[in-house]
PDB file of N, CA and C in Angstrom:
ATOM      1  N   UNK A   1       1.010 -14.666   4.571  1.00  0.00           N
ATOM      2  CA  UNK A   1      -0.166 -13.844   3.514  1.00  0.00           C
ATOM      3  C   UNK A   1      -0.536 -12.838   3.882  1.00  0.00           C
ATOM      4  N   UNK A   2      -0.948 -11.545   3.224  1.00  0.00           N
ATOM      5  CA  UNK A   2      -1.277 -10.394   3.717  1.00  0.00           C
ATOM      6  C   UNK A   2      -2.892 -10.773   4.095  1.00  0.00           C
ATOM      7  N   UNK A   3      -2.518  -9.849   4.913  1.00  0.00           N
ATOM      8  CA  UNK A   3      -4.066  -9.933   5.835  1.00  0.00           C
ATOM      9  C   UNK A   3      -4.681  -7.751   5.752  1.00  0.00           C
ATOM     10  N   UNK A   4      -5.746  -7.729   5.304  1.00  0.00           N
ATOM     11  CA  UNK A   4      -5.903  -6.368   5.434  1.00  0.00           C
ATOM     12  C   UNK A   4      -5.987  -5.810   6.740  1.00  0.00           C
ATOM     13  N   UNK A   5      -5.363  -6.556   7.949  1.00  0.00           N
ATOM     14  CA  UNK A   5      -5.847  -6.091   9.778  1.00  0.00           C
ATOM     15  C   UNK A   5      -4.478  -5.862  10.007  1.00  0.00           C
ATOM     16  N   UNK A   6      -3.501  -5.843   8.564  1.00  0.00           N
ATOM     17  CA  UNK A   6      -1.936  -4.775   9.585  1.00  0.00           C
ATOM     18  C   UNK A   6      -2.402  -4.046  10.272  1.00  0.00           C
ATOM     19  N   UNK A   7      -1.477  -3.796  11.270  1.00  0.00           N
ATOM     20  CA  UNK A   7      -1.030  -3.048  12.256  1.00  0.00           C
ATOM     21  C   UNK A   7       0.454  -1.969  11.596  1.00  0.00           C
ATOM     22  N   UNK A   8       0.279  -0.540  12.337  1.00  0.00           N
ATOM     23  CA  UNK A   8       1.210  -0.436  11.011  1.00  0.00           C
ATOM     24  C   UNK A   8       2.131  -0.477  12.073  1.00  0.00           C
ATOM     25  N   UNK A   9       3.942  -0.073  11.243  1.00  0.00           N
ATOM     26  CA  UNK A   9       5.086  -0.384  11.993  1.00  0.00           C
ATOM     27  C   UNK A   9       5.230  -1.936  11.660  1.00  0.00           C
ATOM     28  N   UNK A  10       4.344  -2.323  10.741  1.00  0.00           N
ATOM     29  CA  UNK A  10       4.434  -4.175  10.611  1.00  0.00           C
ATOM     30  C   UNK A  10       5.846  -3.865   9.598  1.00  0.00           C
ATOM     31  N   UNK A  11       6.470  -4.721   9.544  1.00  0.00           N
ATOM     32  CA  UNK A  11       7.332  -5.168   8.604  1.00  0.00           C
ATOM     33  C   UNK A  11       7.254  -6.235   7.292  1.00  0.00           C
ATOM     34  N   UNK A  12       7.297  -5.663   6.376  1.00  0.00           N
ATOM     35  CA  UNK A  12       6.503  -7.003   5.054  1.00  0.00           C
ATOM     36  C   UNK A  12       7.491  -7.035   4.074  1.00  0.00           C
ATOM     37  N   UNK A  13       8.013  -7.968   3.425  1.00  0.00           N
ATOM     38  CA  UNK A  13       9.342  -8.703   2.195  1.00  0.00           C
ATOM     39  C   UNK A  13       8.215  -8.881   1.377  1.00  0.00           C
ATOM     40  N   UNK A  14       8.238  -8.011   0.171  1.00  0.00           N
ATOM     41  CA  UNK A  14       7.969  -7.847  -1.211  1.00  0.00           C
ATOM     42  C   UNK A  14       9.319  -8.094  -2.148  1.00  0.00           C
ATOM     43  N   UNK A  15       8.737  -8.806  -3.412  1.00  0.00           N
ATOM     44  CA  UNK A  15       9.532  -8.762  -4.178  1.00  0.00           C
ATOM     45  C   UNK A  15       8.728  -8.560  -5.366  1.00  0.00           C
ATOM     46  N   UNK A  16      10.077  -7.989  -6.323  1.00  0.00           N
ATOM     47  CA  UNK A  16       9.934  -6.801  -7.484  1.00  0.00           C
ATOM     48  C   UNK A  16      10.213  -8.212  -8.829  1.00  0.00           C
ATOM     49  N   UNK A  17       9.586  -7.774  -9.569  1.00  0.00           N
ATOM     50  CA  UNK A  17       9.529  -8.052 -10.949  1.00  0.00           C
ATOM     51  C   UNK A  17      11.124  -8.941 -11.281  1.00  0.00           C
ATOM     52  N   UNK A  18      11.865  -8.276 -10.807  1.00  0.00           N
ATOM     53  CA  UNK A  18      13.445  -8.992 -10.952  1.00  0.00           C
ATOM     54  C   UNK A  18      13.802 -10.735  -9.922  1.00  0.00           C
ATOM     55  N   UNK A  19      12.708 -11.017  -9.118  1.00  0.00           N
ATOM     56  CA  UNK A  19      12.515 -11.864  -8.450  1.00  0.00           C
ATOM     57  C   UNK A  19      13.006 -11.029  -6.821  1.00  0.00           C
ATOM     58  N   UNK A  20      14.185 -10.117  -6.970  1.00  0.00           N
ATOM     59  CA  UNK A  20      14.586  -9.949  -5.498  1.00  0.00           C
ATOM     60  C   UNK A  20      13.859  -9.317  -4.636  1.00  0.00           C
ATOM     61  N   UNK A  21      14.296  -9.384  -3.173  1.00  0.00           N
ATOM     62  CA  UNK A  21      13.380  -8.883  -1.973  1.00  0.00           C
ATOM     63  C   UNK A  21      13.639  -8.093  -1.530  1.00  0.00           C
ATOM     64  N   UNK A  22      12.679  -7.149  -1.119  1.00  0.00           N
ATOM     65  CA  UNK A  22      12.468  -5.788  -0.109  1.00  0.00           C
ATOM     66  C   UNK A  22      11.736  -5.729   0.784  1.00  0.00           C
ATOM     67  N   UNK A  23      12.317  -5.258   2.071  1.00  0.00           N
ATOM     68  CA  UNK A  23      11.654  -5.357   3.523  1.00  0.00           C
ATOM     69  C   UNK A  23      11.397  -3.475   3.535  1.00  0.00           C
ATOM     70  N   UNK A  24      10.293  -4.033   3.654  1.00  0.00           N
ATOM     71  CA  UNK A  24       9.320  -2.409   3.690  1.00  0.00           C
ATOM     72  C   UNK A  24       8.209  -2.256   4.905  1.00  0.00           C
ATOM     73  N   UNK A  25       8.170  -1.164   5.518  1.00  0.00           N
ATOM     74  CA  UNK A  25       7.519  -1.317   6.733  1.00  0.00           C
ATOM     75  C   UNK A  25       5.999  -0.741   6.180  1.00  0.00           C
ATOM     76  N   UNK A  26       5.202  -1.173   7.138  1.00  0.00           N
ATOM     77  CA  UNK A  26       3.514  -0.625   6.895  1.00  0.00           C
ATOM     78  C   UNK A  26       3.756   0.954   7.762  1.00  0.00           C
ATOM     79  N   UNK A  27       3.666   1.936   6.972  1.00  0.00           N
ATOM     80  CA  UNK A  27       3.064   3.572   7.810  1.00  0.00           C
ATOM     81  C   UNK A  27       1.816   4.071   7.771  1.00  0.00           C
ATOM     82  N   UNK A  28       0.798   3.247   7.005  1.00  0.00           N
ATOM     83  CA  UNK A  28      -0.403   3.884   7.137  1.00  0.00           C
ATOM     84  C   UNK A  28      -1.198   2.978   6.271  1.00  0.00           C
ATOM     85  N   UNK A  29      -2.883   2.818   6.567  1.00  0.00           N
ATOM     86  CA  UNK A  29      -3.859   1.966   5.731  1.00  0.00           C
ATOM     87  C   UNK A  29      -4.833   2.735   6.014  1.00  0.00           C
ATOM     88  N   UNK A  30      -5.236   3.038   4.527  1.00  0.00           N
ATOM     89  CA  UNK A  30      -7.063   4.170   4.747  1.00  0.00           C
ATOM     90  C   UNK A  30      -7.988   3.577   3.388  1.00  0.00           C
ATOM     91  N   UNK A  31      -9.072   3.626   3.521  1.00  0.00           N
ATOM     92  CA  UNK A  31      -9.661   3.492   2.379  1.00  0.00           C
ATOM     93  C   UNK A  31     -10.433   4.889   1.347  1.00  0.00           C
ATOM     94  N   UNK A  32     -10.446   5.054   0.852  1.00  0.00           N
ATOM     95  CA  UNK A  32     -11.171   5.792  -0.458  1.00  0.00           C
ATOM     96  C   UNK A  32     -11.993   5.269  -1.006  1.00  0.00           C
ATOM     97  N   UNK A  33     -13.245   5.596  -1.845  1.00  0.00           N
ATOM     98  CA  UNK A  33     -14.040   4.780  -1.848  1.00  0.00           C
ATOM     99  C   UNK A  33     -14.992   3.444  -2.313  1.00  0.00           C
ATOM    100  N   UNK A  34     -14.093   2.987  -0.666  1.00  0.00           N
ATOM    101  CA  UNK A  34     -14.445   1.662  -0.270  1.00  0.00           C
ATOM    102  C   UNK A  34     -13.426   1.087  -0.380  1.00  0.00           C
ATOM    103  N   UNK A  35     -12.191   1.309  -1.270  1.00  0.00           N
ATOM    104  CA  UNK A  35     -10.686   0.649  -1.396  1.00  0.00           C
ATOM    105  C   UNK A  35     -10.762   0.748  -0.671  1.00  0.00           C
ATOM    106  N   UNK A  36      -9.383  -0.683  -0.048  1.00  0.00           N
ATOM    107  CA  UNK A  36      -8.115   0.154   0.763  1.00  0.00           C
ATOM    108  C   UNK A  36      -7.176  -0.104   0.234  1.00  0.00           C
ATOM    109  N   UNK A  37      -5.862   1.103   1.147  1.00  0.00           N
ATOM    110  CA  UNK A  37      -4.452   1.693   0.105  1.00  0.00           C
ATOM    111  C   UNK A  37      -3.841   1.185   1.204  1.00  0.00           C
ATOM    112  N   UNK A  38      -2.300   1.067   0.886  1.00  0.00           N
ATOM    113  CA  UNK A  38      -1.261   0.920   2.063  1.00  0.00           C
ATOM    114  C   UNK A  38      -0.538   2.097   1.561  1.00  0.00           C
ATOM    115  N   UNK A  39       0.144   2.627   2.834  1.00  0.00           N
ATOM    116  CA  UNK A  39       1.473   3.275   2.224  1.00  0.00           C
ATOM    117  C   UNK A  39       2.902   2.605   3.076  1.00  0.00           C
ATOM    118  N   UNK A  40       3.565   2.221   2.379  1.00  0.00           N
ATOM    119  CA  UNK A  40       4.759   1.261   2.912  1.00  0.00           C
ATOM    120  C   UNK A  40       5.773   2.328   2.063  1.00  0.00           C
ATOM    121  N   UNK A  41       7.065   1.817   3.291  1.00  0.00           N
ATOM    122  CA  UNK A  41       8.446   3.017   3.160  1.00  0.00           C
ATOM    123  C   UNK A  41       9.372   1.704   3.312  1.00  0.00           C
ATOM    124  N   UNK A  42      10.540   1.800   2.376  1.00  0.00           N
ATOM    125  CA  UNK A  42      10.741   0.600   1.714  1.00  0.00           C
ATOM    126  C   UNK A  42      12.304   1.339   3.211  1.00  0.00           C
ATOM    127  N   UNK A  43      12.541   0.032   4.246  1.00  0.00           N
ATOM    128  CA  UNK A  43      13.253  -0.057   4.899  1.00  0.00           C
ATOM    129  C   UNK A  43      14.796   0.826   4.390  1.00  0.00           C
ATOM    130  N   UNK A  44      15.127   1.584   5.053  1.00  0.00           N
ATOM    131  CA  UNK A  44      16.623   2.151   4.980  1.00  0.00           C
ATOM    132  C   UNK A  44      16.781   3.606   4.065  1.00  0.00           C
ATOM    133  N   UNK A  45      15.022   3.633   3.562  1.00  0.00           N
ATOM    134  CA  UNK A  45      14.786   4.771   2.428  1.00  0.00           C
ATOM    135  C   UNK A  45      13.637   5.488   2.836  1.00  0.00           C
ATOM    136  N   UNK A  46      13.965   6.932   2.311  1.00  0.00           N
ATOM    137  CA  UNK A  46      13.084   7.651   2.830  1.00  0.00           C
ATOM    138  C   UNK A  46      11.325   7.630   1.857  1.00  0.00           C
ATOM    139  N   UNK A  47      11.559   7.030   1.155  1.00  0.00           N
ATOM    140  CA  UNK A  47      10.400   7.652   0.070  1.00  0.00           C
ATOM    141  C   UNK A  47       9.575   6.516   0.129  1.00  0.00           C
ATOM    142  N   UNK A  48       8.337   7.068   0.076  1.00  0.00           N
ATOM    143  CA  UNK A  48       6.732   5.671   0.378  1.00  0.00           C
ATOM    144  C   UNK A  48       6.456   6.204  -0.481  1.00  0.00           C
ATOM    145  N   UNK A  49       5.685   4.380  -0.672  1.00  0.00           N
ATOM    146  CA  UNK A  49       4.813   3.984  -2.001  1.00  0.00           C
ATOM    147  C   UNK A  49       3.419   3.553  -1.610  1.00  0.00           C
ATOM    148  N   UNK A  50       2.289   4.128  -2.614  1.00  0.00           N
ATOM    149  CA  UNK A  50       1.131   3.822  -2.404  1.00  0.00           C
ATOM    150  C   UNK A  50       0.833   2.177  -2.634  1.00  0.00           C
ATOM    151  N   UNK A  51       0.147   1.758  -2.496  1.00  0.00           N
ATOM    152  CA  UNK A  51      -0.307   0.275  -3.263  1.00  0.00           C
ATOM    153  C   UNK A  51      -2.003   0.536  -2.997  1.00  0.00           C
ATOM    154  N   UNK A  52      -2.339  -0.244  -3.652  1.00  0.00           N
ATOM    155  CA  UNK A  52      -4.111  -0.779  -3.333  1.00  0.00           C
ATOM    156  C   UNK A  52      -4.045  -2.070  -3.060  1.00  0.00           C
ATOM    157  N   UNK A  53      -4.609  -2.438  -1.847  1.00  0.00           N
ATOM    158  CA  UNK A  53      -4.832  -4.049  -1.022  1.00  0.00           C
ATOM    159  C   UNK A  53      -6.365  -4.575  -1.867  1.00  0.00           C
ATOM    160  N   UNK A  54      -6.407  -5.117  -2.465  1.00  0.00           N
ATOM    161  CA  UNK A  54      -7.213  -6.745  -3.112  1.00  0.00           C
ATOM    162  C   UNK A  54      -6.838  -7.977  -3.208  1.00  0.00           C
ATOM    163  N   UNK A  55      -7.905  -8.025  -2.893  1.00  0.00           N
ATOM    164  CA  UNK A  55      -8.542  -9.872  -3.116  1.00  0.00           C
ATOM    165  C   UNK A  55      -9.269  -9.754  -4.529  1.00  0.00           C
ATOM    166  N   UNK A  56      -8.492 -11.055  -5.181  1.00  0.00           N
ATOM    167  CA  UNK A  56      -9.191 -11.813  -6.180  1.00  0.00           C
ATOM    168  C   UNK A  56     -10.903 -12.745  -5.714  1.00  0.00           C
ATOM    169  N   UNK A  57     -11.371 -13.085  -6.947  1.00  0.00           N
ATOM    170  CA  UNK A  57     -11.878 -13.407  -6.474  1.00  0.00           C
ATOM    171  C   UNK A  57     -12.185 -14.979  -5.763  1.00  0.00           C
ATOM    172  N   UNK A  58     -11.150 -15.517  -5.802  1.00  0.00           N
ATOM    173  CA  UNK A  58     -10.531 -16.775  -5.124  1.00  0.00           C
ATOM    174  C   UNK A  58     -10.166 -16.205  -3.813  1.00  0.00           C
ATOM    175  N   UNK A  59     -10.161 -14.919  -3.192  1.00  0.00           N
ATOM    176  CA  UNK A  59     -10.488 -14.445  -1.667  1.00  0.00           C
ATOM    177  C   UNK A  59      -8.984 -14.108  -1.293  1.00  0.00           C
ATOM    178  N   UNK A  60      -7.507 -14.248  -2.143  1.00  0.00           N
ATOM    179  CA  UNK A  60      -6.569 -14.196  -2.047  1.00  0.00           C
ATOM    180  C   UNK A  60      -5.936 -12.644  -2.077  1.00  0.00           C
ATOM    181  N   UNK A  61      -5.354 -12.195  -1.566  1.00  0.00           N
ATOM    182  CA  UNK A  61      -4.818 -10.731  -0.987  1.00  0.00           C
ATOM    183  C   UNK A  61      -3.558 -10.331  -1.867  1.00  0.00           C
ATOM    184  N   UNK A  62      -4.079  -9.845  -2.188  1.00  0.00           N
ATOM    185  CA  UNK A  62      -2.158  -8.703  -2.509  1.00  0.00           C
ATOM    186  C   UNK A  62      -2.576  -7.178  -2.817  1.00  0.00           C
ATOM    187  N   UNK A  63      -0.980  -6.736  -3.002  1.00  0.00           N
ATOM    188  CA  UNK A  63      -0.999  -5.453  -3.392  1.00  0.00           C
ATOM    189  C   UNK A  63      -0.881  -5.238  -4.753  1.00  0.00           C
ATOM    190  N   UNK A  64      -1.412  -4.582  -5.311  1.00  0.00           N
ATOM    191  CA  UNK A  64      -1.190  -3.670  -6.576  1.00  0.00           C
ATOM    192  C   UNK A  64      -0.734  -2.526  -6.914  1.00  0.00           C
ATOM    193  N   UNK A  65      -0.316  -1.779  -8.199  1.00  0.00           N
ATOM    194  CA  UNK A  65       0.059  -0.792  -8.392  1.00  0.00           C
ATOM    195  C   UNK A  65      -1.075   0.098  -8.965  1.00  0.00           C
ATOM    196  N   UNK A  66      -1.479   1.226  -8.267  1.00  0.00           N
ATOM    197  CA  UNK A  66      -2.435   2.230  -9.083  1.00  0.00           C
ATOM    198  C   UNK A  66      -2.062   2.756 -10.105  1.00  0.00           C
ATOM    199  N   UNK A  67      -2.799   2.461 -11.217  1.00  0.00           N
ATOM    200  CA  UNK A  67      -2.622   2.890 -12.693  1.00  0.00           C
ATOM    201  C   UNK A  67      -3.325   3.823 -13.448  1.00  0.00           C
ATOM    202  N   UNK A  68      -4.556   4.101 -12.425  1.00  0.00           N
ATOM    203  CA  UNK A  68      -5.362   4.909 -13.664  1.00  0.00           C
ATOM    204  C   UNK A  68      -5.065   6.074 -12.885  1.00  0.00           C
ATOM    205  N   UNK A  69      -4.373   7.348 -13.529  1.00  0.00           N
ATOM    206  CA  UNK A  69      -4.236   8.634 -13.551  1.00  0.00           C
ATOM    207  C   UNK A  69      -5.642   8.895 -11.638  1.00  0.00           C
ATOM    208  N   UNK A  70      -6.951   9.046 -12.350  1.00  0.00           N
ATOM    209  CA  UNK A  70      -7.902   9.581 -12.077  1.00  0.00           C
ATOM    210  C   UNK A  70      -7.606   8.935 -10.351  1.00  0.00           C
ATOM    211  N   UNK A  71      -7.845   7.411 -10.055  1.00  0.00           N
ATOM    212  CA  UNK A  71      -7.969   6.953  -8.901  1.00  0.00           C
ATOM    213  C   UNK A  71      -6.524   7.210  -8.360  1.00  0.00           C
ATOM    214  N   UNK A  72      -5.085   7.365  -8.929  1.00  0.00           N
ATOM    215  CA  UNK A  72      -4.230   7.700  -8.492  1.00  0.00           C
ATOM    216  C   UNK A  72      -4.412   9.127  -7.636  1.00  0.00           C
ATOM    217  N   UNK A  73      -4.883  10.324  -7.955  1.00  0.00           N
ATOM    218  CA  UNK A  73      -4.935  11.338  -8.391  1.00  0.00           C
ATOM    219  C   UNK A  73      -6.436  11.385  -6.139  1.00  0.00           C
ATOM    220  N   UNK A  74      -7.053  11.166  -6.486  1.00  0.00           N
ATOM    221  CA  UNK A  74      -7.999  10.546  -5.063  1.00  0.00           C
ATOM    222  C   UNK A  74      -7.074  10.301  -4.395  1.00  0.00           C
ATOM    223  N   UNK A  75      -6.105   9.104  -4.435  1.00  0.00           N
ATOM    224  CA  UNK A  75      -5.684   8.298  -3.175  1.00  0.00           C
ATOM    225  C   UNK A  75      -4.624   9.810  -2.324  1.00  0.00           C
ATOM    226  N   UNK A  76      -4.048  10.102  -3.711  1.00  0.00           N
ATOM    227  CA  UNK A  76      -2.602  10.551  -3.082  1.00  0.00           C
ATOM    228  C   UNK A  76      -3.537  11.996  -2.399  1.00  0.00           C
ATOM    229  N   UNK A  77      -4.865  12.412  -2.519  1.00  0.00           N
ATOM    230  CA  UNK A  77      -4.851  13.934  -2.368  1.00  0.00           C
ATOM    231  C   UNK A  77      -5.909  13.536  -0.573  1.00  0.00           C
ATOM    232  N   UNK A  78      -6.286  12.588  -0.958  1.00  0.00           N
ATOM    233  CA  UNK A  78      -6.287  12.033   0.907  1.00  0.00           C
ATOM    234  C   UNK A  78      -5.649  11.477   1.153  1.00  0.00           C
ATOM    235  N   UNK A  79      -4.333  10.899   1.080  1.00  0.00           N
ATOM    236  CA  UNK A  79      -3.531  10.911   1.708  1.00  0.00           C
ATOM    237  C   UNK A  79      -2.686  12.378   2.517  1.00  0.00           C
ATOM    238  N   UNK A  80      -2.149  12.685   1.924  1.00  0.00           N
ATOM    239  CA  UNK A  80      -1.758  14.533   2.017  1.00  0.00           C
ATOM    240  C   UNK A  80      -3.335  14.568   3.277  1.00  0.00           C
ATOM    241  N   UNK A  81      -4.512  14.876   2.967  1.00  0.00           N
ATOM    242  CA  UNK A  81      -5.150  15.221   4.066  1.00  0.00           C
ATOM    243  C   UNK A  81      -5.078  14.862   4.892  1.00  0.00           C
ATOM    244  N   UNK A  82      -4.787  13.991   5.630  1.00  0.00           N
ATOM    245  CA  UNK A  82      -4.788  12.639   6.273  1.00  0.00           C
ATOM    246  C   UNK A  82      -2.966  13.238   7.616  1.00  0.00           C
ATOM    247  N   UNK A  83      -1.868  13.566   6.627  1.00  0.00           N
ATOM    248  CA  UNK A  83      -1.119  13.882   7.125  1.00  0.00           C
ATOM    249  C   UNK A  83      -1.144  15.227   7.310  1.00  0.00           C
ATOM    250  N   UNK A  84      -1.967  15.971   6.682  1.00  0.00           N
ATOM    251  CA  UNK A  84      -2.063  17.430   7.558  1.00  0.00           C
ATOM    252  C   UNK A  84      -3.247  17.683   8.185  1.00  0.00           C
ATOM    253  N   UNK A  85      -3.721  16.831   9.118  1.00  0.00           N
ATOM    254  CA  UNK A  85      -4.905  17.377  10.499  1.00  0.00           C
ATOM    255  C   UNK A  85      -4.191  16.679  11.588  1.00  0.00           C
TER     256      UNK A  85
END
């Protein structure tokens, strides 16, 4: 199960919509407006992906895509600022 106390460089295996598993490395985790986000990089690929880390009402932890454009903009800006510091 996922845990928000992940350390950077941890490897994760995520399953896509087609049921295929993909291995990712945790690059960074950070907070924006009291929400937690993680930056993952697929093993063997240079592209980085940002997911929102959430818990449902039962305490289950999962990653979800950021669908709100305004939220996406704030998160990307915050991550880019961290990268340039």
